[in-house]
Amino acid sequence: MNLGARRMATAKSDDEAFEALFTAEYARVVGIANRVLADPHEAEDVAQEVFIDFHRLHSATAQYAPAWLHRAAAHASLNRLRGARRRLKREVAQAAEEGDRMLDPQKQLEVNEDRRQVRQALGRLAPKPAAALAMRASGLSYAEVAQALGVGIGQVGTLLRRAEAALRKEVTRGTSN
């Protein structure tokens, strides 16, 4: 097999490996992003960016691929959350959509305000605790969270408890301002 044919075969197998990784992890990456952003379209944008970045920088056959994708989804989502302009646009769109489904406008207003306060508080947390909360709330197991954050599985429970306490403190601090 000449060098050109070998390169073509390698390129084809790399593409197949990336396609398999994409198929296996796309829903979870979107789920993590959507849990943070509460906007399915923006979550899909984040997922596309994460997969493009991964494909550009890493091999799809790397053992750390799922963990890298999960962590990148959480961080990219949190970065978007911190952008005030996007946050405002998302809240207005979500409020309008949920307002159509809810009958009690006062209750809906309270729910939207609570969600806004929690998301703002989440955006003020350090990246690691915020990512841990986002990944766990998206359904990842302790083992998957540990792998994504590069910590021992025994540390995840403590990390989550501390992150929840910090989030509670931030929400309280945000409501007292």
N, C-alpha and C. Protein backbone atom coordinates (compact mmCIF):
# COMPACT_ATOMS: atom_id res chain seq x y z
N MET A 1 0.86 -1.18 0.00
CA MET A 1 0.00 0.00 0.00
C MET A 1 0.90 1.23 0.00
N ASN A 2 0.69 2.12 -0.95
CA ASN A 2 1.52 3.32 -1.02
C ASN A 2 1.07 4.33 0.03
N LEU A 3 1.85 5.39 0.17
CA LEU A 3 1.60 6.40 1.21
C LEU A 3 0.24 7.09 1.01
N GLY A 4 -0.13 7.41 -0.19
CA GLY A 4 -1.41 8.06 -0.47
C GLY A 4 -2.59 7.18 -0.09
N ALA A 5 -2.52 5.91 -0.42
CA ALA A 5 -3.60 4.98 -0.09
C ALA A 5 -3.71 4.81 1.43
N ARG A 6 -2.55 4.75 2.11
CA ARG A 6 -2.55 4.63 3.57
C ARG A 6 -3.18 5.85 4.22
N ARG A 7 -2.87 7.03 3.71
CA ARG A 7 -3.46 8.27 4.24
C ARG A 7 -4.97 8.28 4.04
N MET A 8 -5.43 7.80 2.88
CA MET A 8 -6.87 7.75 2.60
C MET A 8 -7.56 6.79 3.57
N ALA A 9 -6.95 5.64 3.82
CA ALA A 9 -7.54 4.65 4.74
C ALA A 9 -7.56 5.20 6.16
N THR A 10 -6.49 5.88 6.55
CA THR A 10 -6.43 6.47 7.89
C THR A 10 -7.48 7.56 8.03
N ALA A 11 -7.61 8.39 7.01
CA ALA A 11 -8.61 9.47 7.05
C ALA A 11 -10.01 8.88 7.15
N LYS A 12 -10.26 7.81 6.41
CA LYS A 12 -11.59 7.19 6.45
C LYS A 12 -11.85 6.61 7.84
N SER A 13 -10.87 5.93 8.42
CA SER A 13 -11.08 5.33 9.75
C SER A 13 -11.21 6.42 10.81
N ASP A 14 -10.49 7.54 10.68
CA ASP A 14 -10.63 8.66 11.61
C ASP A 14 -12.03 9.25 11.52
N ASP A 15 -12.53 9.41 10.31
CA ASP A 15 -13.88 9.94 10.12
C ASP A 15 -14.92 9.00 10.72
N GLU A 16 -14.72 7.70 10.52
CA GLU A 16 -15.66 6.73 11.08
C GLU A 16 -15.62 6.75 12.60
N ALA A 17 -14.43 6.88 13.18
CA ALA A 17 -14.30 6.94 14.64
C ALA A 17 -14.97 8.20 15.18
N PHE A 18 -14.78 9.31 14.49
CA PHE A 18 -15.42 10.55 14.95
C PHE A 18 -16.93 10.45 14.82
N GLU A 19 -17.40 9.86 13.74
CA GLU A 19 -18.85 9.70 13.56
C GLU A 19 -19.43 8.82 14.67
N ALA A 20 -18.72 7.77 15.04
CA ALA A 20 -19.20 6.90 16.12
C ALA A 20 -19.20 7.66 17.46
N LEU A 21 -18.17 8.44 17.71
CA LEU A 21 -18.11 9.25 18.94
C LEU A 21 -19.24 10.26 18.95
N PHE A 22 -19.45 10.92 17.83
CA PHE A 22 -20.52 11.91 17.72
C PHE A 22 -21.88 11.27 18.00
N THR A 23 -22.14 10.14 17.38
CA THR A 23 -23.41 9.44 17.56
C THR A 23 -23.60 9.03 19.02
N ALA A 24 -22.53 8.57 19.65
CA ALA A 24 -22.63 8.08 21.03
C ALA A 24 -22.80 9.21 22.05
N GLU A 25 -22.19 10.36 21.82
CA GLU A 25 -22.13 11.40 22.85
C GLU A 25 -22.94 12.66 22.56
N TYR A 26 -23.47 12.82 21.36
CA TYR A 26 -24.14 14.07 21.00
C TYR A 26 -25.30 14.39 21.95
N ALA A 27 -26.16 13.42 22.19
CA ALA A 27 -27.34 13.68 23.03
C ALA A 27 -26.93 14.11 24.43
N ARG A 28 -25.92 13.50 24.98
CA ARG A 28 -25.48 13.85 26.33
C ARG A 28 -24.85 15.24 26.36
N VAL A 29 -24.06 15.56 25.34
CA VAL A 29 -23.43 16.89 25.27
C VAL A 29 -24.50 17.97 25.15
N VAL A 30 -25.49 17.74 24.30
CA VAL A 30 -26.60 18.69 24.16
C VAL A 30 -27.36 18.78 25.48
N GLY A 31 -27.55 17.65 26.14
CA GLY A 31 -28.27 17.63 27.42
C GLY A 31 -27.58 18.46 28.48
N ILE A 32 -26.26 18.35 28.55
CA ILE A 32 -25.50 19.15 29.52
C ILE A 32 -25.66 20.63 29.20
N ALA A 33 -25.48 20.97 27.95
CA ALA A 33 -25.60 22.38 27.55
C ALA A 33 -27.01 22.90 27.79
N ASN A 34 -28.00 22.09 27.46
CA ASN A 34 -29.39 22.53 27.63
C ASN A 34 -29.75 22.68 29.11
N ARG A 35 -29.18 21.85 29.96
CA ARG A 35 -29.43 21.97 31.40
C ARG A 35 -28.96 23.32 31.91
N VAL A 36 -27.86 23.79 31.41
CA VAL A 36 -27.32 25.08 31.84
C VAL A 36 -28.04 26.24 31.16
N LEU A 37 -28.27 26.12 29.86
CA LEU A 37 -28.77 27.25 29.08
C LEU A 37 -30.29 27.35 29.01
N ALA A 38 -30.97 26.23 29.18
CA ALA A 38 -32.43 26.19 29.06
C ALA A 38 -32.90 26.69 27.70
N ASP A 39 -32.13 26.43 26.68
CA ASP A 39 -32.48 26.81 25.32
C ASP A 39 -31.96 25.71 24.39
N PRO A 40 -32.85 24.86 23.88
CA PRO A 40 -32.40 23.73 23.08
C PRO A 40 -31.61 24.14 21.83
N HIS A 41 -31.97 25.24 21.22
CA HIS A 41 -31.25 25.67 20.01
C HIS A 41 -29.83 26.12 20.36
N GLU A 42 -29.72 26.90 21.41
CA GLU A 42 -28.39 27.34 21.83
C GLU A 42 -27.56 26.16 22.33
N ALA A 43 -28.21 25.20 22.99
CA ALA A 43 -27.51 24.00 23.45
C ALA A 43 -26.94 23.21 22.27
N GLU A 44 -27.70 23.14 21.19
CA GLU A 44 -27.20 22.46 19.99
C GLU A 44 -26.03 23.22 19.38
N ASP A 45 -26.08 24.55 19.42
CA ASP A 45 -24.94 25.35 18.94
C ASP A 45 -23.69 25.05 19.76
N VAL A 46 -23.86 25.00 21.08
CA VAL A 46 -22.72 24.69 21.96
C VAL A 46 -22.17 23.31 21.63
N ALA A 47 -23.06 22.34 21.45
CA ALA A 47 -22.62 20.97 21.14
C ALA A 47 -21.82 20.94 19.84
N GLN A 48 -22.29 21.66 18.84
CA GLN A 48 -21.56 21.69 17.57
C GLN A 48 -20.17 22.29 17.77
N GLU A 49 -20.09 23.38 18.51
CA GLU A 49 -18.79 24.01 18.77
C GLU A 49 -17.86 23.06 19.50
N VAL A 50 -18.41 22.36 20.50
CA VAL A 50 -17.60 21.44 21.29
C VAL A 50 -17.06 20.32 20.41
N PHE A 51 -17.91 19.74 19.58
CA PHE A 51 -17.45 18.65 18.71
C PHE A 51 -16.45 19.14 17.67
N ILE A 52 -16.66 20.33 17.14
CA ILE A 52 -15.71 20.88 16.16
C ILE A 52 -14.35 21.10 16.83
N ASP A 53 -14.38 21.70 18.03
CA ASP A 53 -13.12 21.91 18.76
C ASP A 53 -12.42 20.59 19.04
N PHE A 54 -13.18 19.61 19.49
CA PHE A 54 -12.59 18.31 19.79
C PHE A 54 -11.97 17.70 18.53
N HIS A 55 -12.72 17.71 17.45
CA HIS A 55 -12.25 17.10 16.20
C HIS A 55 -10.98 17.79 15.69
N ARG A 56 -10.92 19.09 15.87
CA ARG A 56 -9.77 19.85 15.43
C ARG A 56 -8.52 19.55 16.28
N LEU A 57 -8.72 19.27 17.57
CA LEU A 57 -7.60 19.17 18.51
C LEU A 57 -7.21 17.74 18.91
N HIS A 58 -8.15 16.79 18.81
CA HIS A 58 -7.90 15.47 19.39
C HIS A 58 -8.32 14.36 18.44
N SER A 59 -7.86 13.17 18.76
CA SER A 59 -8.27 11.98 18.02
C SER A 59 -9.57 11.45 18.61
N ALA A 60 -10.47 11.04 17.75
CA ALA A 60 -11.76 10.52 18.20
C ALA A 60 -11.62 9.20 18.95
N THR A 61 -10.47 8.55 18.82
CA THR A 61 -10.26 7.28 19.50
C THR A 61 -9.65 7.45 20.89
N ALA A 62 -9.40 8.70 21.30
CA ALA A 62 -8.81 8.95 22.62
C ALA A 62 -9.75 8.47 23.72
N GLN A 63 -9.18 7.85 24.74
CA GLN A 63 -9.99 7.33 25.85
C GLN A 63 -10.72 8.45 26.58
N TYR A 64 -10.13 9.60 26.64
CA TYR A 64 -10.70 10.71 27.40
C TYR A 64 -11.77 11.48 26.62
N ALA A 65 -12.09 11.05 25.42
CA ALA A 65 -13.00 11.80 24.55
C ALA A 65 -14.34 12.12 25.22
N PRO A 66 -15.07 11.15 25.78
CA PRO A 66 -16.36 11.51 26.39
C PRO A 66 -16.21 12.51 27.54
N ALA A 67 -15.23 12.29 28.39
CA ALA A 67 -15.01 13.21 29.52
C ALA A 67 -14.68 14.61 29.02
N TRP A 68 -13.84 14.70 28.00
CA TRP A 68 -13.45 16.00 27.45
C TRP A 68 -14.69 16.70 26.89
N LEU A 69 -15.51 15.97 26.17
CA LEU A 69 -16.72 16.56 25.57
C LEU A 69 -17.69 17.04 26.65
N HIS A 70 -17.88 16.24 27.70
CA HIS A 70 -18.80 16.64 28.77
C HIS A 70 -18.31 17.90 29.48
N ARG A 71 -17.03 17.93 29.81
CA ARG A 71 -16.47 19.09 30.49
C ARG A 71 -16.52 20.31 29.59
N ALA A 72 -16.18 20.15 28.33
CA ALA A 72 -16.21 21.27 27.39
C ALA A 72 -17.63 21.80 27.22
N ALA A 73 -18.61 20.90 27.20
CA ALA A 73 -20.01 21.34 27.07
C ALA A 73 -20.42 22.16 28.29
N ALA A 74 -20.03 21.70 29.46
CA ALA A 74 -20.39 22.45 30.67
C ALA A 74 -19.72 23.82 30.68
N HIS A 75 -18.44 23.86 30.37
CA HIS A 75 -17.72 25.14 30.39
C HIS A 75 -18.20 26.10 29.30
N ALA A 76 -18.40 25.58 28.11
CA ALA A 76 -18.88 26.44 27.01
C ALA A 76 -20.26 27.00 27.34
N SER A 77 -21.09 26.17 27.93
CA SER A 77 -22.44 26.62 28.31
C SER A 77 -22.37 27.68 29.39
N LEU A 78 -21.52 27.46 30.37
CA LEU A 78 -21.38 28.45 31.45
C LEU A 78 -20.84 29.77 30.90
N ASN A 79 -19.93 29.69 29.95
CA ASN A 79 -19.41 30.92 29.34
C ASN A 79 -20.51 31.69 28.62
N ARG A 80 -21.37 30.96 27.94
CA ARG A 80 -22.50 31.63 27.28
C ARG A 80 -23.45 32.23 28.30
N LEU A 81 -23.64 31.51 29.38
CA LEU A 81 -24.54 31.98 30.42
C LEU A 81 -24.06 33.30 31.00
N ARG A 82 -22.77 33.46 31.07
CA ARG A 82 -22.21 34.68 31.66
C ARG A 82 -22.38 35.89 30.75
N GLY A 83 -22.71 35.68 29.50
CA GLY A 83 -22.92 36.80 28.57
C GLY A 83 -24.29 37.43 28.80
N ALA A 84 -24.32 38.63 29.25
CA ALA A 84 -25.58 39.29 29.63
C ALA A 84 -26.55 39.42 28.45
N ARG A 85 -26.05 39.77 27.30
CA ARG A 85 -26.95 39.97 26.15
C ARG A 85 -27.66 38.68 25.77
N ARG A 86 -26.91 37.60 25.71
CA ARG A 86 -27.51 36.32 25.38
C ARG A 86 -28.46 35.86 26.47
N ARG A 87 -28.08 36.13 27.71
CA ARG A 87 -28.94 35.74 28.83
C ARG A 87 -30.29 36.43 28.73
N LEU A 88 -30.28 37.71 28.45
CA LEU A 88 -31.53 38.46 28.36
C LEU A 88 -32.39 37.92 27.22
N LYS A 89 -31.79 37.68 26.07
CA LYS A 89 -32.53 37.17 24.92
C LYS A 89 -33.16 35.81 25.25
N ARG A 90 -32.40 34.93 25.90
CA ARG A 90 -32.89 33.61 26.25
C ARG A 90 -34.03 33.69 27.25
N GLU A 91 -33.92 34.55 28.24
CA GLU A 91 -34.97 34.68 29.26
C GLU A 91 -36.27 35.21 28.65
N VAL A 92 -36.17 36.17 27.76
CA VAL A 92 -37.37 36.71 27.13
C VAL A 92 -38.04 35.64 26.27
N ALA A 93 -37.25 34.90 25.50
CA ALA A 93 -37.82 33.86 24.65
C ALA A 93 -38.45 32.75 25.49
N GLN A 94 -37.77 32.37 26.55
CA GLN A 94 -38.29 31.31 27.41
C GLN A 94 -39.54 31.77 28.15
N ALA A 95 -39.55 32.98 28.62
CA ALA A 95 -40.71 33.50 29.34
C ALA A 95 -41.93 33.53 28.43
N ALA A 96 -41.75 33.93 27.19
CA ALA A 96 -42.86 33.98 26.25
C ALA A 96 -43.39 32.58 25.95
N GLU A 97 -42.47 31.63 25.77
CA GLU A 97 -42.86 30.25 25.48
C GLU A 97 -43.58 29.61 26.66
N GLU A 98 -43.05 29.77 27.83
CA GLU A 98 -43.67 29.17 29.02
C GLU A 98 -44.95 29.89 29.40
N GLY A 99 -45.02 31.18 29.12
CA GLY A 99 -46.22 31.95 29.43
C GLY A 99 -47.44 31.43 28.67
N ASP A 100 -47.21 30.91 27.48
CA ASP A 100 -48.32 30.36 26.70
C ASP A 100 -48.87 29.08 27.32
N ARG A 101 -48.02 28.34 28.01
CA ARG A 101 -48.44 27.07 28.59
C ARG A 101 -49.03 27.20 29.98
N MET A 102 -48.64 28.23 30.71
CA MET A 102 -49.09 28.37 32.09
C MET A 102 -50.33 29.26 32.15
N LEU A 103 -51.20 28.92 33.07
CA LEU A 103 -52.43 29.69 33.21
C LEU A 103 -52.27 30.85 34.20
N ASP A 104 -51.47 30.66 35.24
CA ASP A 104 -51.32 31.66 36.28
C ASP A 104 -50.10 32.53 36.01
N PRO A 105 -50.29 33.75 35.54
CA PRO A 105 -49.15 34.61 35.21
C PRO A 105 -48.27 34.93 36.43
N GLN A 106 -48.85 35.09 37.60
CA GLN A 106 -48.06 35.39 38.79
C GLN A 106 -47.13 34.23 39.13
N LYS A 107 -47.65 33.02 39.08
CA LYS A 107 -46.83 31.84 39.37
C LYS A 107 -45.71 31.70 38.34
N GLN A 108 -46.04 31.94 37.08
CA GLN A 108 -45.03 31.85 36.03
C GLN A 108 -43.93 32.89 36.23
N LEU A 109 -44.32 34.09 36.61
CA LEU A 109 -43.35 35.14 36.88
C LEU A 109 -42.40 34.74 38.00
N GLU A 110 -42.94 34.15 39.05
CA GLU A 110 -42.12 33.70 40.17
C GLU A 110 -41.17 32.59 39.76
N VAL A 111 -41.66 31.64 38.96
CA VAL A 111 -40.81 30.53 38.50
C VAL A 111 -39.68 31.07 37.62
N ASN A 112 -40.01 31.97 36.69
CA ASN A 112 -38.98 32.55 35.82
C ASN A 112 -37.94 33.32 36.63
N GLU A 113 -38.39 34.06 37.63
CA GLU A 113 -37.47 34.83 38.47
C GLU A 113 -36.56 33.88 39.25
N ASP A 114 -37.12 32.81 39.79
CA ASP A 114 -36.30 31.83 40.52
C ASP A 114 -35.25 31.22 39.59
N ARG A 115 -35.65 30.85 38.40
CA ARG A 115 -34.71 30.26 37.44
C ARG A 115 -33.62 31.26 37.07
N ARG A 116 -34.00 32.50 36.86
CA ARG A 116 -33.02 33.53 36.52
C ARG A 116 -32.00 33.68 37.64
N GLN A 117 -32.48 33.72 38.87
CA GLN A 117 -31.59 33.88 40.02
C GLN A 117 -30.63 32.69 40.14
N VAL A 118 -31.14 31.48 39.94
CA VAL A 118 -30.28 30.30 40.03
C VAL A 118 -29.24 30.31 38.92
N ARG A 119 -29.63 30.68 37.70
CA ARG A 119 -28.67 30.72 36.59
C ARG A 119 -27.62 31.81 36.81
N GLN A 120 -28.03 32.95 37.32
CA GLN A 120 -27.05 34.00 37.61
C GLN A 120 -26.08 33.54 38.69
N ALA A 121 -26.60 32.91 39.73
CA ALA A 121 -25.75 32.40 40.80
C ALA A 121 -24.80 31.33 40.26
N LEU A 122 -25.29 30.45 39.40
CA LEU A 122 -24.46 29.42 38.78
C LEU A 122 -23.33 30.07 37.97
N GLY A 123 -23.64 31.16 37.30
CA GLY A 123 -22.63 31.86 36.52
C GLY A 123 -21.57 32.53 37.37
N ARG A 124 -21.87 32.79 38.64
CA ARG A 124 -20.89 33.41 39.54
C ARG A 124 -20.01 32.39 40.25
N LEU A 125 -20.35 31.11 40.17
CA LEU A 125 -19.55 30.07 40.82
C LEU A 125 -18.25 29.85 40.04
N ALA A 126 -17.29 29.27 40.73
CA ALA A 126 -16.05 28.86 40.06
C ALA A 126 -16.39 27.80 39.01
N PRO A 127 -15.60 27.70 37.95
CA PRO A 127 -15.94 26.79 36.85
C PRO A 127 -16.12 25.33 37.26
N LYS A 128 -15.24 24.79 38.11
CA LYS A 128 -15.30 23.37 38.45
C LYS A 128 -16.59 23.02 39.21
N PRO A 129 -16.94 23.74 40.29
CA PRO A 129 -18.20 23.41 40.97
C PRO A 129 -19.43 23.63 40.08
N ALA A 130 -19.40 24.69 39.29
CA ALA A 130 -20.54 24.96 38.40
C ALA A 130 -20.68 23.83 37.37
N ALA A 131 -19.57 23.39 36.82
CA ALA A 131 -19.60 22.30 35.84
C ALA A 131 -20.08 21.01 36.50
N ALA A 132 -19.64 20.75 37.72
CA ALA A 132 -20.07 19.54 38.43
C ALA A 132 -21.58 19.54 38.63
N LEU A 133 -22.13 20.67 39.05
CA LEU A 133 -23.57 20.77 39.23
C LEU A 133 -24.32 20.59 37.92
N ALA A 134 -23.83 21.22 36.87
CA ALA A 134 -24.49 21.12 35.57
C ALA A 134 -24.47 19.69 35.04
N MET A 135 -23.32 19.03 35.16
CA MET A 135 -23.22 17.66 34.65
C MET A 135 -24.10 16.70 35.46
N ARG A 136 -24.08 16.84 36.78
CA ARG A 136 -24.89 15.95 37.63
C ARG A 136 -26.39 16.19 37.38
N ALA A 137 -26.77 17.45 37.24
CA ALA A 137 -28.18 17.77 36.98
C ALA A 137 -28.62 17.27 35.61
N SER A 138 -27.66 17.05 34.72
CA SER A 138 -27.96 16.54 33.38
C SER A 138 -28.03 15.02 33.35
N GLY A 139 -27.81 14.39 34.49
CA GLY A 139 -27.96 12.95 34.55
C GLY A 139 -26.68 12.15 34.50
N LEU A 140 -25.52 12.80 34.49
CA LEU A 140 -24.28 12.05 34.48
C LEU A 140 -24.08 11.39 35.84
N SER A 141 -23.50 10.22 35.83
CA SER A 141 -23.22 9.50 37.07
C SER A 141 -22.02 10.14 37.76
N TYR A 142 -21.81 9.75 39.02
CA TYR A 142 -20.64 10.25 39.74
C TYR A 142 -19.36 9.88 39.00
N ALA A 143 -19.30 8.67 38.45
CA ALA A 143 -18.11 8.23 37.73
C ALA A 143 -17.87 9.10 36.49
N GLU A 144 -18.93 9.43 35.77
CA GLU A 144 -18.78 10.25 34.57
C GLU A 144 -18.38 11.68 34.93
N VAL A 145 -18.94 12.21 36.01
CA VAL A 145 -18.57 13.56 36.47
C VAL A 145 -17.10 13.55 36.89
N ALA A 146 -16.70 12.51 37.64
CA ALA A 146 -15.31 12.41 38.10
C ALA A 146 -14.35 12.37 36.92
N GLN A 147 -14.68 11.57 35.92
CA GLN A 147 -13.81 11.46 34.75
C GLN A 147 -13.74 12.79 34.00
N ALA A 148 -14.87 13.44 33.84
CA ALA A 148 -14.90 14.71 33.09
C ALA A 148 -14.11 15.80 33.80
N LEU A 149 -14.16 15.81 35.13
CA LEU A 149 -13.48 16.87 35.88
C LEU A 149 -12.07 16.49 36.29
N GLY A 150 -11.70 15.24 36.07
CA GLY A 150 -10.35 14.80 36.41
C GLY A 150 -10.14 14.67 37.91
N VAL A 151 -11.17 14.24 38.62
CA VAL A 151 -11.06 14.03 40.07
C VAL A 151 -11.42 12.58 40.36
N GLY A 152 -11.11 12.13 41.58
CA GLY A 152 -11.48 10.79 41.99
C GLY A 152 -12.97 10.69 42.21
N ILE A 153 -13.51 9.51 41.99
CA ILE A 153 -14.96 9.32 42.15
C ILE A 153 -15.39 9.60 43.59
N GLY A 154 -14.50 9.34 44.54
CA GLY A 154 -14.81 9.60 45.94
C GLY A 154 -14.90 11.07 46.27
N GLN A 155 -14.36 11.91 45.42
CA GLN A 155 -14.39 13.36 45.65
C GLN A 155 -15.65 14.02 45.10
N VAL A 156 -16.38 13.33 44.25
CA VAL A 156 -17.52 13.94 43.57
C VAL A 156 -18.61 14.35 44.55
N GLY A 157 -18.94 13.47 45.49
CA GLY A 157 -19.99 13.78 46.46
C GLY A 157 -19.67 15.03 47.25
N THR A 158 -18.43 15.11 47.73
CA THR A 158 -17.99 16.29 48.48
C THR A 158 -18.01 17.53 47.60
N LEU A 159 -17.51 17.39 46.38
CA LEU A 159 -17.50 18.51 45.45
C LEU A 159 -18.92 19.00 45.19
N LEU A 160 -19.85 18.07 45.01
CA LEU A 160 -21.24 18.46 44.76
C LEU A 160 -21.87 19.13 45.97
N ARG A 161 -21.63 18.59 47.15
CA ARG A 161 -22.20 19.20 48.36
C ARG A 161 -21.67 20.62 48.55
N ARG A 162 -20.38 20.79 48.34
CA ARG A 162 -19.79 22.13 48.46
C ARG A 162 -20.32 23.07 47.38
N ALA A 163 -20.48 22.53 46.18
CA ALA A 163 -21.00 23.34 45.08
C ALA A 163 -22.45 23.75 45.35
N GLU A 164 -23.23 22.82 45.89
CA GLU A 164 -24.62 23.15 46.22
C GLU A 164 -24.68 24.21 47.31
N ALA A 165 -23.81 24.08 48.31
CA ALA A 165 -23.78 25.09 49.38
C ALA A 165 -23.37 26.45 48.82
N ALA A 166 -22.37 26.45 47.94
CA ALA A 166 -21.92 27.71 47.33
C ALA A 166 -23.03 28.30 46.46
N LEU A 167 -23.74 27.44 45.74
CA LEU A 167 -24.84 27.92 44.90
C LEU A 167 -25.95 28.52 45.77
N ARG A 168 -26.27 27.82 46.85
CA ARG A 168 -27.29 28.33 47.78
C ARG A 168 -26.88 29.70 48.31
N LYS A 169 -25.61 29.82 48.68
CA LYS A 169 -25.09 31.09 49.21
C LYS A 169 -25.16 32.19 48.15
N GLU A 170 -24.81 31.85 46.91
CA GLU A 170 -24.86 32.82 45.82
C GLU A 170 -26.30 33.25 45.51
N VAL A 171 -27.23 32.30 45.56
CA VAL A 171 -28.63 32.64 45.30
C VAL A 171 -29.13 33.57 46.39
N THR A 172 -28.78 33.27 47.64
CA THR A 172 -29.18 34.11 48.76
C THR A 172 -28.55 35.49 48.64
N ARG A 173 -27.28 35.53 48.28
CA ARG A 173 -26.57 36.81 48.12
C ARG A 173 -27.20 37.61 46.97
N GLY A 174 -27.57 36.92 45.91
CA GLY A 174 -28.16 37.60 44.75
C GLY A 174 -29.54 38.15 45.04
N THR A 175 -30.30 37.50 45.93
CA THR A 175 -31.64 37.97 46.23
C THR A 175 -31.63 39.08 47.29
N SER A 176 -30.54 39.20 48.02
CA SER A 176 -30.48 40.24 49.06
C SER A 176 -29.97 41.57 48.51
N ASN A 177 -29.49 41.56 47.26
CA ASN A 177 -28.97 42.81 46.65
C ASN A 177 -30.10 43.68 46.17
